Every structure is written in C-alpha cells, then in structure tokens.
Protein backbone atom coordinates (compact mmCIF):
# COMPACT_ATOMS: atom_id res chain seq x y z
CA UNK A 1 109.72 -47.58 100.99
CA UNK A 2 108.93 -45.47 104.62
CA UNK A 3 110.70 -45.47 108.06
CA UNK A 4 113.87 -47.25 107.94
CA UNK A 5 116.49 -49.36 106.10
CA UNK A 6 115.34 -52.26 108.54
CA UNK A 7 111.64 -51.51 108.05
CA UNK A 8 113.05 -51.96 103.83
CA UNK A 9 114.91 -54.72 104.69
CA UNK A 10 112.31 -56.58 106.00
CA UNK A 11 109.41 -55.96 103.66
CA UNK A 12 112.08 -57.00 100.95
CA UNK A 13 111.98 -60.19 103.01
CA UNK A 14 108.02 -60.95 103.28
CA UNK A 15 107.32 -59.80 99.82
CA UNK A 16 110.38 -62.47 98.72
CA UNK A 17 108.32 -65.08 100.69
CA UNK A 18 104.83 -64.10 99.33
CA UNK A 19 106.35 -64.35 95.80
CA UNK A 20 108.12 -67.74 96.36
CA UNK A 21 104.04 -69.10 97.55
CA UNK A 22 102.45 -67.12 94.67
CA UNK A 23 104.80 -68.52 92.48
CA UNK A 24 103.97 -71.90 93.67
CA UNK A 25 100.72 -71.64 91.82
CA UNK A 26 101.72 -70.83 88.51
CA UNK A 27 100.38 -73.40 86.57
CA UNK A 28 100.14 -71.56 82.84
CA UNK A 29 102.57 -69.52 81.52
CA UNK A 30 100.32 -66.80 81.00
CA UNK A 31 99.83 -66.82 84.67
CA UNK A 32 103.45 -66.08 85.67
CA UNK A 33 103.66 -62.29 84.49
CA UNK A 34 101.02 -60.97 87.25
CA UNK A 35 102.59 -63.63 89.66
CA UNK A 36 106.50 -62.49 89.67
CA UNK A 37 105.37 -59.04 90.72
CA UNK A 38 105.72 -59.60 94.31
CA UNK A 39 109.24 -60.37 93.49
CA UNK A 40 109.81 -57.11 92.04
CA UNK A 41 108.44 -55.39 95.17
CA UNK A 42 110.90 -57.36 97.34
CA UNK A 43 113.85 -56.52 94.74
CA UNK A 44 112.70 -52.71 95.39
CA UNK A 45 112.22 -52.64 99.10
CA UNK A 46 115.63 -54.16 98.89
CA UNK A 47 116.81 -51.53 97.32
CA UNK A 48 115.59 -48.85 99.00
CA UNK A 49 116.96 -50.43 102.41
CA UNK A 50 119.88 -50.03 100.72
CA UNK A 51 119.83 -45.85 100.27
CA UNK A 52 118.17 -46.01 103.06
CA UNK A 53 121.74 -47.54 105.08
CA UNK A 54 123.66 -44.65 103.48
CA UNK A 55 121.29 -41.86 104.09
CA UNK A 56 121.26 -42.64 107.11
CA UNK A 57 125.10 -42.89 108.07
CA UNK A 58 127.98 -41.50 107.51
CA UNK A 59 128.69 -43.86 104.57
CA UNK A 60 129.65 -42.07 101.17
CA UNK A 61 127.34 -43.06 98.62
CA UNK A 62 129.92 -45.84 96.60
CA UNK A 63 128.74 -48.10 93.30
CA UNK A 64 125.94 -50.26 95.30
CA UNK A 65 124.35 -46.78 96.05
CA UNK A 66 124.38 -45.90 92.73
CA UNK A 67 122.67 -49.11 91.60
CA UNK A 68 120.24 -49.19 93.87
CA UNK A 69 118.75 -45.45 93.17
CA UNK A 70 119.26 -45.98 89.56
CA UNK A 71 117.22 -49.62 89.93
CA UNK A 72 114.58 -48.08 92.29
CA UNK A 73 113.95 -45.02 90.10
CA UNK A 74 113.87 -47.52 86.52
CA UNK A 75 111.41 -49.87 88.10
CA UNK A 76 109.10 -47.16 89.51
CA UNK A 77 108.58 -44.53 86.81
CA UNK A 78 109.58 -47.07 83.68
CA UNK A 79 108.93 -50.40 84.33
CA UNK A 80 105.52 -50.39 86.36
CA UNK A 81 103.48 -48.88 83.82
CA UNK A 82 104.59 -51.39 81.02
CA UNK A 83 104.50 -54.39 83.21
CA UNK A 84 101.37 -54.09 84.74
CA UNK A 85 99.26 -53.94 81.87
CA UNK A 86 101.21 -56.66 80.33
CA UNK A 87 100.77 -58.75 82.84
CA UNK A 88 96.70 -58.49 83.27
CA UNK A 89 96.77 -58.49 79.41
CA UNK A 90 98.27 -61.98 79.37
CA UNK A 91 96.09 -62.93 81.80
CA UNK A 92 92.92 -61.99 80.34
CA UNK A 93 90.63 -64.67 78.30
CA UNK A 94 87.76 -62.00 77.28
CA UNK A 95 88.30 -60.52 73.73
CA UNK A 96 87.38 -57.18 74.67
CA UNK A 97 88.68 -56.63 77.30
CA UNK A 98 92.17 -57.62 75.64
CA UNK A 99 91.72 -55.28 73.21
CA UNK A 100 91.01 -51.84 75.61
CA UNK A 101 93.95 -53.55 77.99
CA UNK A 102 96.46 -53.35 75.10
CA UNK A 103 95.67 -50.07 74.44
CA UNK A 104 96.82 -49.28 77.76
CA UNK A 105 99.65 -51.15 77.44
CA UNK A 106 100.32 -49.07 74.75
CA UNK A 107 99.62 -45.94 76.93
CA UNK A 108 102.14 -47.46 79.64
CA UNK A 109 105.17 -47.59 76.64
CA UNK A 110 104.36 -43.90 76.44
CA UNK A 111 104.15 -43.20 79.90
CA UNK A 112 107.53 -44.78 80.44
CA UNK A 113 109.02 -42.78 77.55
CA UNK A 114 108.30 -39.86 78.61
CA UNK A 115 109.73 -40.68 82.33
CA UNK A 116 113.23 -41.14 80.71
CA UNK A 117 114.26 -37.69 81.65
CA UNK A 118 113.95 -38.54 85.00
CA UNK A 119 116.77 -41.24 85.22
CA UNK A 120 118.97 -38.26 83.72
CA UNK A 121 119.76 -37.36 86.87
CA UNK A 122 120.69 -40.92 88.31
CA UNK A 123 123.00 -41.68 85.96
CA UNK A 124 126.62 -41.14 86.80
CA UNK A 125 128.28 -40.36 90.80
CA UNK A 126 125.06 -38.02 91.69
CA UNK A 127 122.91 -38.35 94.56
CA UNK A 128 119.60 -37.22 94.26
CA UNK A 129 117.52 -39.48 96.85
CA UNK A 130 117.15 -37.58 99.87
CA UNK A 131 115.26 -38.11 103.28
CA UNK A 132 112.21 -36.02 103.99
CA UNK A 133 110.31 -36.96 107.09
CA UNK A 134 110.36 -40.80 107.39
CA UNK A 135 110.40 -41.34 103.67
CA UNK A 136 112.59 -41.01 100.72
CA UNK A 137 112.20 -38.04 98.15
CA UNK A 138 112.52 -39.50 94.31
CA UNK A 139 112.24 -37.17 91.51
CA UNK A 140 108.53 -35.82 90.78
CA UNK A 141 106.22 -36.24 87.82
CA UNK A 142 103.84 -33.43 86.99
CA UNK A 143 100.01 -33.79 87.75
CA UNK A 144 99.10 -34.35 84.50
CA UNK A 145 102.27 -37.16 83.86
CA UNK A 146 100.96 -38.75 87.20
CA UNK A 147 97.33 -39.18 85.93
CA UNK A 148 98.50 -41.28 82.44
CA UNK A 149 100.93 -43.38 85.03
CA UNK A 150 98.05 -43.87 87.23
CA UNK A 151 96.32 -45.03 84.07
CA UNK A 152 98.32 -47.26 82.87
CA UNK A 153 99.19 -49.17 86.33
CA UNK A 154 95.27 -48.97 87.69
CA UNK A 155 93.05 -49.08 84.71
CA UNK A 156 94.07 -52.49 83.17
CA UNK A 157 93.17 -54.52 86.56
CA UNK A 158 89.54 -52.21 87.01
CA UNK A 159 89.13 -53.50 83.05
CA UNK A 160 90.04 -57.58 83.60
CA UNK A 161 87.43 -59.96 83.54
CA UNK A 162 89.38 -61.92 85.68
CA UNK A 163 88.42 -62.58 89.83
CA UNK A 164 89.89 -60.40 91.95
CA UNK A 165 92.09 -58.71 89.62
CA UNK A 166 89.57 -55.39 89.37
CA UNK A 167 91.10 -55.69 93.90
CA UNK A 168 94.25 -54.86 92.79
CA UNK A 169 93.10 -51.52 90.92
CA UNK A 170 91.03 -50.82 93.70
CA UNK A 171 93.85 -50.71 96.09
CA UNK A 172 96.68 -49.14 93.66
CA UNK A 173 93.91 -46.48 92.84
CA UNK A 174 93.67 -45.57 96.47
CA UNK A 175 97.40 -45.76 97.36
CA UNK A 176 97.64 -43.26 94.81
CA UNK A 177 95.34 -41.11 96.31
CA UNK A 178 96.54 -41.25 99.51
CA UNK A 179 99.84 -41.10 98.99
CA UNK A 180 99.74 -37.87 95.99
CA UNK A 181 97.59 -36.19 98.57
CA UNK A 182 99.41 -36.37 101.73
CA UNK A 183 102.72 -37.26 100.67
CA UNK A 184 103.79 -35.64 97.59
CA UNK A 185 106.63 -35.29 97.59
CA UNK A 186 107.78 -38.30 98.27
CA UNK A 187 104.84 -40.16 96.89
CA UNK A 188 107.09 -42.59 94.46
CA UNK A 189 108.13 -44.30 98.08
CA UNK A 190 104.99 -44.10 100.28
CA UNK A 191 102.78 -45.50 97.23
CA UNK A 192 105.42 -48.59 96.65
CA UNK A 193 104.62 -49.39 100.18
CA UNK A 194 100.82 -49.38 100.35
CA UNK A 195 101.37 -50.71 97.00
CA UNK A 196 103.10 -53.68 98.61
CA UNK A 197 99.52 -54.93 99.82
CA UNK A 198 99.14 -55.45 96.30
CA UNK A 199 100.94 -58.94 96.54
CA UNK A 200 98.75 -60.22 99.22
CA UNK A 201 95.86 -59.53 96.33
CA UNK A 202 98.25 -61.11 93.49
CA UNK A 203 98.91 -64.37 95.22
CA UNK A 204 94.60 -64.78 95.75
CA UNK A 205 94.11 -64.02 91.97
CA UNK A 206 97.03 -67.11 90.83
CA UNK A 207 95.77 -69.43 93.45
CA UNK A 208 91.73 -68.87 92.06
CA UNK A 209 93.49 -69.53 88.66
CA UNK A 210 95.29 -72.57 89.84
CA UNK A 211 91.09 -73.56 91.27
CA UNK A 212 89.77 -72.84 87.39
CA UNK A 213 92.72 -74.47 85.89
CA UNK A 214 91.72 -77.37 87.91
CA UNK A 215 88.42 -77.61 87.15
CA UNK A 216 88.86 -77.80 83.34
CA UNK A 217 91.49 -80.38 83.51
C-alpha cells in the first residue's frame, strides 16, 4: 500500500476485521474461497507494512524483511491470477459460465507460471523493493503480460452470474487502469491499495448468498 508503514498496518487491521465479518456469513463450502480473500489482502498489506518499516529507517533488512518481500511479490504476481478465477468458479452455478470461468482459471495458471521469473530476484538476501514517491516499487510486468493478468483477475468476475460479483470485476478493472496509467512504476503497490475496496464488495456478495441459501432452506 502507498504512504507509510502505519497506513499499511492500519489497512491490514481493517481488512482483517472485514474478513472476519465476511467469514461469519459463510454457510456453504463453495463460498469460502471468495470470502477468505480479505484476509489475503490483510496479510499482503501487513507484509508491506513490514517492508516500509525497514525501508523508511536505518534498520538493516533481516529475515523478516525478506519473508515479507517474498510474500508480497508471490501473492501479487502468482497467487491472485489463480485464486480469483478459482474462487469465482467455485461460486458459479450456471453451467456455461462455469465452463468459461474455468478457461479463465487456466489462463490465470499460465500467467502465474510466466510470472515465476519475477520471483528470481526475491530469493536470497537481496532487496528488490524500493521507495518511489509515496509508494513501493516491485518487479514490473510487461504490458502484454499485464493484459493477461487483467483478464485472469477481472474477466472471471465480469462473466459471473452471481449478484454483485460483476462489481468486483468493474472495481478491479478501474483500479488496474488508473494505476497502470498514472502509477506504472509502482502499479503493484497502488493497485493492491485500490483493490482493497474489492473486499467490501465481497462482503456484499457473501451476504447476498447467505440470504439466497436461507430462502431455499
């Protein structure tokens, strides 16, 4: 997240609370993959708070820093392209939508595989994250790879028949467009800040699914 360690830790706490409230609404196993996403964002923001603590002070990076660095890059570039389409796929009930979203999931797996090279600089005791302005700079994806990343993370939501899930895709699309246009060098950090708003929509999705489940009980 942008700004500072305090902002990142604060966001992590808020997202963790929202994640807890979302998980409380879960009634079926197929709702869990999407409901747990706020906790992933919270963990990612916490890891960035750790990195800010080191990068904004005279403290030399240690094992904690390198773990936080690896965790953030792994989640941003490898984890989300797979988990988002997977969570939407498990929630989907319309057959043709499930099929298309599954194809998007396969695309996400391909994107994650391509992004493995971005982890090469993270392994070992090497600092690859640096401060640019009020944000952190991480390894950059090419425009072509970023396009496939967008399709994997956002298109699955836009294709879903579930109520409010399309809002996740729209929010993610706007966030990606804004960050890559205005903050290309720090897109990975800024996008995850904006994408945190997705967690509020996820809460609405799970709450709506809870109402539907109660209706058919």
